[in-house]
Full PDB file with SEQRES, HELIX, SHEET, SSBOND, CRYST1, ORIGX, SCALE, CONECT and MASTER records, all heavy atoms in Angstrom:
SEQRES   1 A   31  ASP LEU ALA GLU GLU ALA SER GLY ALA THR VAL THR PHE          
SEQRES   2 A   31  ALA SER ASP ALA LYS GLN ALA CYS THR MET ASP PHE VAL          
SEQRES   3 A   31  PRO ARG VAL THR VAL                                          
SHEET    1 AA1 2 LEU A   2  GLU A   5  0                                        
SHEET    2 AA1 2 GLY A   8  VAL A  11 -1                                        
CRYST1    1.000    1.000    1.000  90.00  90.00  90.00 P 1           1          
ORIGX1      1.000000  0.000000  0.000000        0.00000                         
ORIGX2      0.000000  1.000000  0.000000        0.00000                         
ORIGX3      0.000000  0.000000  1.000000        0.00000                         
SCALE1      1.000000  0.000000  0.000000        0.00000                         
SCALE2      0.000000  1.000000  0.000000        0.00000                         
SCALE3      0.000000  0.000000  1.000000        0.00000                         
ATOM      1  N   ASP A   1      24.169  61.580  30.006  1.00  0.00           N  
ATOM      2  CA  ASP A   1      24.328  62.065  28.641  1.00  0.00           C  
ATOM      3  C   ASP A   1      25.672  61.601  28.090  1.00  0.00           C  
ATOM      4  O   ASP A   1      26.655  61.474  28.840  1.00  0.00           O  
ATOM      5  CB  ASP A   1      24.260  63.605  28.591  1.00  0.00           C  
ATOM      6  CG  ASP A   1      24.316  64.145  27.175  1.00  0.00           C  
ATOM      7  OD1 ASP A   1      23.378  63.872  26.406  1.00  0.00           O  
ATOM      8  OD2 ASP A   1      25.295  64.825  26.820  1.00  0.00           O  
ATOM      9  N   LEU A   2      25.691  61.324  26.784  1.00  0.00           N  
ATOM     10  CA  LEU A   2      26.925  60.946  26.101  1.00  0.00           C  
ATOM     11  C   LEU A   2      26.956  61.685  24.765  1.00  0.00           C  
ATOM     12  O   LEU A   2      26.124  61.428  23.893  1.00  0.00           O  
ATOM     13  CB  LEU A   2      27.003  59.436  25.895  1.00  0.00           C  
ATOM     14  CG  LEU A   2      28.353  58.868  25.436  1.00  0.00           C  
ATOM     15  CD1 LEU A   2      28.518  57.425  25.916  1.00  0.00           C  
ATOM     16  CD2 LEU A   2      28.488  58.903  23.913  1.00  0.00           C  
ATOM     17  N   ALA A   3      27.902  62.609  24.632  1.00  0.00           N  
ATOM     18  CA  ALA A   3      28.030  63.419  23.414  1.00  0.00           C  
ATOM     19  C   ALA A   3      29.317  63.020  22.696  1.00  0.00           C  
ATOM     20  O   ALA A   3      30.409  63.137  23.256  1.00  0.00           O  
ATOM     21  CB  ALA A   3      28.041  64.909  23.747  1.00  0.00           C  
ATOM     22  N   GLU A   4      29.184  62.551  21.455  1.00  0.00           N  
ATOM     23  CA  GLU A   4      30.336  62.051  20.708  1.00  0.00           C  
ATOM     24  C   GLU A   4      30.946  63.112  19.798  1.00  0.00           C  
ATOM     25  O   GLU A   4      30.243  63.961  19.250  1.00  0.00           O  
ATOM     26  CB  GLU A   4      29.928  60.844  19.866  1.00  0.00           C  
ATOM     27  CG  GLU A   4      29.480  59.653  20.687  1.00  0.00           C  
ATOM     28  CD  GLU A   4      29.185  58.444  19.820  1.00  0.00           C  
ATOM     29  OE1 GLU A   4      30.108  57.994  19.111  1.00  0.00           O  
ATOM     30  OE2 GLU A   4      28.042  57.969  19.835  1.00  0.00           O  
ATOM     31  N   GLU A   5      32.261  63.005  19.637  1.00  0.00           N  
ATOM     32  CA  GLU A   5      33.021  63.804  18.689  1.00  0.00           C  
ATOM     33  C   GLU A   5      33.942  62.866  17.918  1.00  0.00           C  
ATOM     34  O   GLU A   5      33.977  61.663  18.187  1.00  0.00           O  
ATOM     35  CB  GLU A   5      33.821  64.891  19.412  1.00  0.00           C  
ATOM     36  CG  GLU A   5      32.963  65.867  20.205  1.00  0.00           C  
ATOM     37  CD  GLU A   5      33.797  66.896  20.949  1.00  0.00           C  
ATOM     38  OE1 GLU A   5      35.042  66.765  20.906  1.00  0.00           O  
ATOM     39  OE2 GLU A   5      33.220  67.794  21.568  1.00  0.00           O  
ATOM     40  N   ALA A   6      34.696  63.424  16.969  1.00  0.00           N  
ATOM     41  CA  ALA A   6      35.544  62.572  16.131  1.00  0.00           C  
ATOM     42  C   ALA A   6      36.613  61.851  16.946  1.00  0.00           C  
ATOM     43  O   ALA A   6      36.932  60.690  16.682  1.00  0.00           O  
ATOM     44  CB  ALA A   6      36.192  63.407  15.041  1.00  0.00           C  
ATOM     45  N   SER A   7      37.169  62.505  17.958  1.00  0.00           N  
ATOM     46  CA  SER A   7      38.288  61.938  18.704  1.00  0.00           C  
ATOM     47  C   SER A   7      37.910  61.452  20.098  1.00  0.00           C  
ATOM     48  O   SER A   7      38.790  61.124  20.892  1.00  0.00           O  
ATOM     49  CB  SER A   7      39.409  62.982  18.830  1.00  0.00           C  
ATOM     50  OG  SER A   7      38.931  64.143  19.493  1.00  0.00           O  
ATOM     51  N   GLY A   8      36.615  61.417  20.397  1.00  0.00           N  
ATOM     52  CA  GLY A   8      36.228  60.950  21.724  1.00  0.00           C  
ATOM     53  C   GLY A   8      34.787  61.265  22.048  1.00  0.00           C  
ATOM     54  O   GLY A   8      33.983  61.553  21.169  1.00  0.00           O  
ATOM     55  N   ALA A   9      34.478  61.187  23.330  1.00  0.00           N  
ATOM     56  CA  ALA A   9      33.108  61.439  23.770  1.00  0.00           C  
ATOM     57  C   ALA A   9      33.131  62.081  25.151  1.00  0.00           C  
ATOM     58  O   ALA A   9      34.024  61.810  25.966  1.00  0.00           O  
ATOM     59  CB  ALA A   9      32.305  60.145  23.803  1.00  0.00           C  
ATOM     60  N   THR A  10      32.142  62.931  25.402  1.00  0.00           N  
ATOM     61  CA  THR A  10      31.958  63.526  26.726  1.00  0.00           C  
ATOM     62  C   THR A  10      30.842  62.772  27.433  1.00  0.00           C  
ATOM     63  O   THR A  10      29.722  62.689  26.937  1.00  0.00           O  
ATOM     64  CB  THR A  10      31.598  65.011  26.619  1.00  0.00           C  
ATOM     65  OG1 THR A  10      32.680  65.719  25.987  1.00  0.00           O  
ATOM     66  CG2 THR A  10      31.360  65.614  27.998  1.00  0.00           C  
ATOM     67  N   VAL A  11      31.176  62.194  28.580  1.00  0.00           N  
ATOM     68  CA  VAL A  11      30.211  61.396  29.351  1.00  0.00           C  
ATOM     69  C   VAL A  11      29.835  62.174  30.601  1.00  0.00           C  
ATOM     70  O   VAL A  11      30.691  62.485  31.436  1.00  0.00           O  
ATOM     71  CB  VAL A  11      30.803  60.028  29.744  1.00  0.00           C  
ATOM     72  CG1 VAL A  11      29.739  59.173  30.410  1.00  0.00           C  
ATOM     73  CG2 VAL A  11      31.374  59.321  28.522  1.00  0.00           C  
ATOM     74  N   THR A  12      28.552  62.500  30.724  1.00  0.00           N  
ATOM     75  CA  THR A  12      28.056  63.238  31.876  1.00  0.00           C  
ATOM     76  C   THR A  12      27.300  62.288  32.791  1.00  0.00           C  
ATOM     77  O   THR A  12      26.464  61.504  32.338  1.00  0.00           O  
ATOM     78  CB  THR A  12      27.124  64.383  31.441  1.00  0.00           C  
ATOM     79  OG1 THR A  12      27.834  65.239  30.522  1.00  0.00           O  
ATOM     80  CG2 THR A  12      26.667  65.203  32.632  1.00  0.00           C  
ATOM     81  N   PHE A  13      27.614  62.366  34.085  1.00  0.00           N  
ATOM     82  CA  PHE A  13      26.988  61.483  35.060  1.00  0.00           C  
ATOM     83  C   PHE A  13      25.990  62.261  35.914  1.00  0.00           C  
ATOM     84  O   PHE A  13      26.198  63.431  36.236  1.00  0.00           O  
ATOM     85  CB  PHE A  13      28.045  60.850  35.963  1.00  0.00           C  
ATOM     86  CG  PHE A  13      29.016  59.962  35.233  1.00  0.00           C  
ATOM     87  CD1 PHE A  13      30.230  60.466  34.782  1.00  0.00           C  
ATOM     88  CD2 PHE A  13      28.710  58.642  34.971  1.00  0.00           C  
ATOM     89  CE1 PHE A  13      31.122  59.665  34.100  1.00  0.00           C  
ATOM     90  CE2 PHE A  13      29.603  57.824  34.285  1.00  0.00           C  
ATOM     91  CZ  PHE A  13      30.805  58.341  33.850  1.00  0.00           C  
ATOM     92  N   ALA A  14      24.912  61.573  36.283  1.00  0.00           N  
ATOM     93  CA  ALA A  14      23.905  62.178  37.145  1.00  0.00           C  
ATOM     94  C   ALA A  14      24.464  62.336  38.556  1.00  0.00           C  
ATOM     95  O   ALA A  14      25.259  61.508  39.024  1.00  0.00           O  
ATOM     96  CB  ALA A  14      22.645  61.304  37.170  1.00  0.00           C  
ATOM     97  N   SER A  15      24.059  63.390  39.220  1.00  0.00           N  
ATOM     98  CA  SER A  15      24.510  63.652  40.589  1.00  0.00           C  
ATOM     99  C   SER A  15      23.295  63.782  41.504  1.00  0.00           C  
ATOM    100  O   SER A  15      22.303  64.404  41.132  1.00  0.00           O  
ATOM    101  CB  SER A  15      25.353  64.931  40.651  1.00  0.00           C  
ATOM    102  OG  SER A  15      26.514  64.809  39.860  1.00  0.00           O  
ATOM    103  N   ASP A  16      23.388  63.168  42.680  1.00  0.00           N  
ATOM    104  CA  ASP A  16      22.315  63.253  43.672  1.00  0.00           C  
ATOM    105  C   ASP A  16      22.951  63.502  45.029  1.00  0.00           C  
ATOM    106  O   ASP A  16      23.454  62.574  45.674  1.00  0.00           O  
ATOM    107  CB  ASP A  16      21.494  61.967  43.674  1.00  0.00           C  
ATOM    108  CG  ASP A  16      20.286  62.044  44.599  1.00  0.00           C  
ATOM    109  OD1 ASP A  16      20.123  63.092  45.263  1.00  0.00           O  
ATOM    110  OD2 ASP A  16      19.517  61.073  44.656  1.00  0.00           O  
ATOM    111  N   ALA A  17      22.933  64.760  45.449  1.00  0.00           N  
ATOM    112  CA  ALA A  17      23.586  65.132  46.701  1.00  0.00           C  
ATOM    113  C   ALA A  17      22.916  64.496  47.921  1.00  0.00           C  
ATOM    114  O   ALA A  17      23.533  64.375  48.991  1.00  0.00           O  
ATOM    115  CB  ALA A  17      23.580  66.653  46.850  1.00  0.00           C  
ATOM    116  N   LYS A  18      21.656  64.077  47.787  1.00  0.00           N  
ATOM    117  CA  LYS A  18      20.920  63.506  48.914  1.00  0.00           C  
ATOM    118  C   LYS A  18      21.067  61.990  49.012  1.00  0.00           C  
ATOM    119  O   LYS A  18      20.575  61.381  49.958  1.00  0.00           O  
ATOM    120  CB  LYS A  18      19.440  63.863  48.794  1.00  0.00           C  
ATOM    121  CG  LYS A  18      19.160  65.366  48.860  1.00  0.00           C  
ATOM    122  CD  LYS A  18      17.668  65.647  48.763  1.00  0.00           C  
ATOM    123  CE  LYS A  18      17.381  67.141  48.825  1.00  0.00           C  
ATOM    124  NZ  LYS A  18      15.916  67.421  48.730  1.00  0.00           N  
ATOM    125  N   GLN A  19      21.742  61.372  48.015  1.00  0.00           N  
ATOM    126  CA  GLN A  19      21.868  59.924  48.023  1.00  0.00           C  
ATOM    127  C   GLN A  19      22.841  59.464  49.097  1.00  0.00           C  
ATOM    128  O   GLN A  19      23.942  60.005  49.226  1.00  0.00           O  
ATOM    129  CB  GLN A  19      22.331  59.419  46.660  1.00  0.00           C  
ATOM    130  CG  GLN A  19      22.355  57.907  46.538  1.00  0.00           C  
ATOM    131  CD  GLN A  19      22.754  57.448  45.152  1.00  0.00           C  
ATOM    132  OE1 GLN A  19      23.226  58.250  44.331  1.00  0.00           O  
ATOM    133  NE2 GLN A  19      22.572  56.178  44.854  1.00  0.00           N  
ATOM    134  N   ALA A  20      22.445  58.471  49.889  1.00  0.00           N  
ATOM    135  CA  ALA A  20      23.310  57.930  50.942  1.00  0.00           C  
ATOM    136  C   ALA A  20      24.180  56.824  50.353  1.00  0.00           C  
ATOM    137  O   ALA A  20      23.663  55.865  49.779  1.00  0.00           O  
ATOM    138  CB  ALA A  20      22.463  57.389  52.084  1.00  0.00           C  
ATOM    139  N   CYS A  21      25.504  56.964  50.485  1.00  0.00           N  
ATOM    140  CA  CYS A  21      26.442  56.013  49.890  1.00  0.00           C  
ATOM    141  C   CYS A  21      27.245  55.312  50.980  1.00  0.00           C  
ATOM    142  O   CYS A  21      27.657  55.934  51.964  1.00  0.00           O  
ATOM    143  CB  CYS A  21      27.405  56.725  48.950  1.00  0.00           C  
ATOM    144  SG  CYS A  21      26.603  57.620  47.599  1.00  0.00           S  
ATOM    145  N   THR A  22      27.485  54.018  50.801  1.00  0.00           N  
ATOM    146  CA  THR A  22      28.342  53.290  51.731  1.00  0.00           C  
ATOM    147  C   THR A  22      29.783  53.782  51.580  1.00  0.00           C  
ATOM    148  O   THR A  22      30.167  54.361  50.568  1.00  0.00           O  
ATOM    149  CB  THR A  22      28.273  51.780  51.449  1.00  0.00           C  
ATOM    150  OG1 THR A  22      28.614  51.559  50.074  1.00  0.00           O  
ATOM    151  CG2 THR A  22      26.877  51.236  51.700  1.00  0.00           C  
ATOM    152  N   MET A  23      30.591  53.526  52.604  1.00  0.00           N  
ATOM    153  CA  MET A  23      31.965  54.030  52.621  1.00  0.00           C  
ATOM    154  C   MET A  23      32.969  53.047  52.036  1.00  0.00           C  
ATOM    155  O   MET A  23      34.174  53.229  52.191  1.00  0.00           O  
ATOM    156  CB  MET A  23      32.352  54.366  54.064  1.00  0.00           C  
ATOM    157  CG  MET A  23      31.530  55.497  54.670  1.00  0.00           C  
ATOM    158  SD  MET A  23      31.726  57.066  53.763  1.00  0.00           S  
ATOM    159  CE  MET A  23      33.435  57.436  54.139  1.00  0.00           C  
ATOM    160  N   ASP A  24      32.506  51.985  51.359  1.00  0.00           N  
ATOM    161  CA  ASP A  24      33.444  51.043  50.756  1.00  0.00           C  
ATOM    162  C   ASP A  24      34.031  51.651  49.482  1.00  0.00           C  
ATOM    163  O   ASP A  24      33.559  52.667  48.963  1.00  0.00           O  
ATOM    164  CB  ASP A  24      32.784  49.694  50.479  1.00  0.00           C  
ATOM    165  CG  ASP A  24      31.522  49.819  49.631  1.00  0.00           C  
ATOM    166  OD1 ASP A  24      31.025  50.950  49.443  1.00  0.00           O  
ATOM    167  OD2 ASP A  24      31.030  48.791  49.131  1.00  0.00           O  
ATOM    168  N   PHE A  25      35.072  51.024  48.963  1.00  0.00           N  
ATOM    169  CA  PHE A  25      35.780  51.527  47.780  1.00  0.00           C  
ATOM    170  C   PHE A  25      36.012  50.345  46.855  1.00  0.00           C  
ATOM    171  O   PHE A  25      36.937  49.561  47.058  1.00  0.00           O  
ATOM    172  CB  PHE A  25      37.099  52.170  48.200  1.00  0.00           C  
ATOM    173  CG  PHE A  25      37.754  52.990  47.125  1.00  0.00           C  
ATOM    174  CD1 PHE A  25      37.251  54.225  46.754  1.00  0.00           C  
ATOM    175  CD2 PHE A  25      38.898  52.526  46.486  1.00  0.00           C  
ATOM    176  CE1 PHE A  25      37.862  54.988  45.780  1.00  0.00           C  
ATOM    177  CE2 PHE A  25      39.517  53.291  45.500  1.00  0.00           C  
ATOM    178  CZ  PHE A  25      38.991  54.522  45.145  1.00  0.00           C  
ATOM    179  N   VAL A  26      35.145  50.204  45.847  1.00  0.00           N  
ATOM    180  CA  VAL A  26      35.167  49.009  45.002  1.00  0.00           C  
ATOM    181  C   VAL A  26      35.228  49.414  43.531  1.00  0.00           C  
ATOM    182  O   VAL A  26      34.897  50.552  43.165  1.00  0.00           O  
ATOM    183  CB  VAL A  26      33.903  48.149  45.244  1.00  0.00           C  
ATOM    184  CG1 VAL A  26      33.814  47.723  46.699  1.00  0.00           C  
ATOM    185  CG2 VAL A  26      32.649  48.913  44.824  1.00  0.00           C  
ATOM    186  N   PRO A  27      35.638  48.473  42.660  1.00  0.00           N  
ATOM    187  CA  PRO A  27      35.617  48.762  41.213  1.00  0.00           C  
ATOM    188  C   PRO A  27      34.188  48.716  40.687  1.00  0.00           C  
ATOM    189  O   PRO A  27      33.418  47.814  41.022  1.00  0.00           O  
ATOM    190  CB  PRO A  27      36.481  47.647  40.619  1.00  0.00           C  
ATOM    191  CG  PRO A  27      36.377  46.520  41.601  1.00  0.00           C  
ATOM    192  CD  PRO A  27      36.232  47.151  42.945  1.00  0.00           C  
ATOM    193  N   ARG A  28      33.821  49.700  39.839  1.00  0.00           N  
ATOM    194  CA  ARG A  28      32.513  49.727  39.178  1.00  0.00           C  
ATOM    195  C   ARG A  28      32.755  49.800  37.671  1.00  0.00           C  
ATOM    196  O   ARG A  28      33.510  50.665  37.207  1.00  0.00           O  
ATOM    197  CB  ARG A  28      31.683  50.945  39.598  1.00  0.00           C  
ATOM    198  CG  ARG A  28      31.269  51.005  41.063  1.00  0.00           C  
ATOM    199  CD  ARG A  28      32.187  51.869  41.918  1.00  0.00           C  
ATOM    200  NE  ARG A  28      32.490  53.156  41.332  1.00  0.00           N  
ATOM    201  CZ  ARG A  28      31.902  54.325  41.702  1.00  0.00           C  
ATOM    202  NH1 ARG A  28      30.970  54.317  42.621  1.00  0.00           N  
ATOM    203  NH2 ARG A  28      32.267  55.474  41.157  1.00  0.00           N  
ATOM    204  N   VAL A  29      32.142  48.910  36.914  1.00  0.00           N  
ATOM    205  CA  VAL A  29      32.344  48.869  35.461  1.00  0.00           C  
ATOM    206  C   VAL A  29      31.071  49.343  34.767  1.00  0.00           C  
ATOM    207  O   VAL A  29      29.990  48.795  34.983  1.00  0.00           O  
ATOM    208  CB  VAL A  29      32.704  47.446  34.984  1.00  0.00           C  
ATOM    209  CG1 VAL A  29      32.887  47.425  33.469  1.00  0.00           C  
ATOM    210  CG2 VAL A  29      33.973  46.952  35.676  1.00  0.00           C  
ATOM    211  N   THR A  30      31.232  50.363  33.938  1.00  0.00           N  
ATOM    212  CA  THR A  30      30.117  50.937  33.184  1.00  0.00           C  
ATOM    213  C   THR A  30      30.312  50.641  31.700  1.00  0.00           C  
ATOM    214  O   THR A  30      31.404  50.842  31.165  1.00  0.00           O  
ATOM    215  CB  THR A  30      30.029  52.467  33.390  1.00  0.00           C  
ATOM    216  OG1 THR A  30      29.896  52.748  34.784  1.00  0.00           O  
ATOM    217  CG2 THR A  30      28.847  53.060  32.645  1.00  0.00           C  
ATOM    218  N   VAL A  31      29.259  50.153  31.053  1.00  0.00           N  
ATOM    219  CA  VAL A  31      29.318  49.841  29.623  1.00  0.00           C  
ATOM    220  C   VAL A  31      28.832  51.052  28.827  1.00  0.00           C  
ATOM    221  O   VAL A  31      27.765  51.600  29.091  1.00  0.00           O  
ATOM    222  CB  VAL A  31      28.441  48.623  29.286  1.00  0.00           C  
ATOM    223  CG1 VAL A  31      28.498  48.318  27.789  1.00  0.00           C  
ATOM    224  CG2 VAL A  31      28.886  47.411  30.095  1.00  0.00           C  
TER     225      VAL A  31                                                      
MASTER        0    0    0    0    2    0    0    6  224    1    0    3          
END                                                                             
């Protein structure tokens, strides 16, 4: 979700507690 206001926006990210993630630490770019 992305909710806009005059001075910015609130960006909500999905969460999945069951998702298996690798232990690397890399840059991720979101548009």
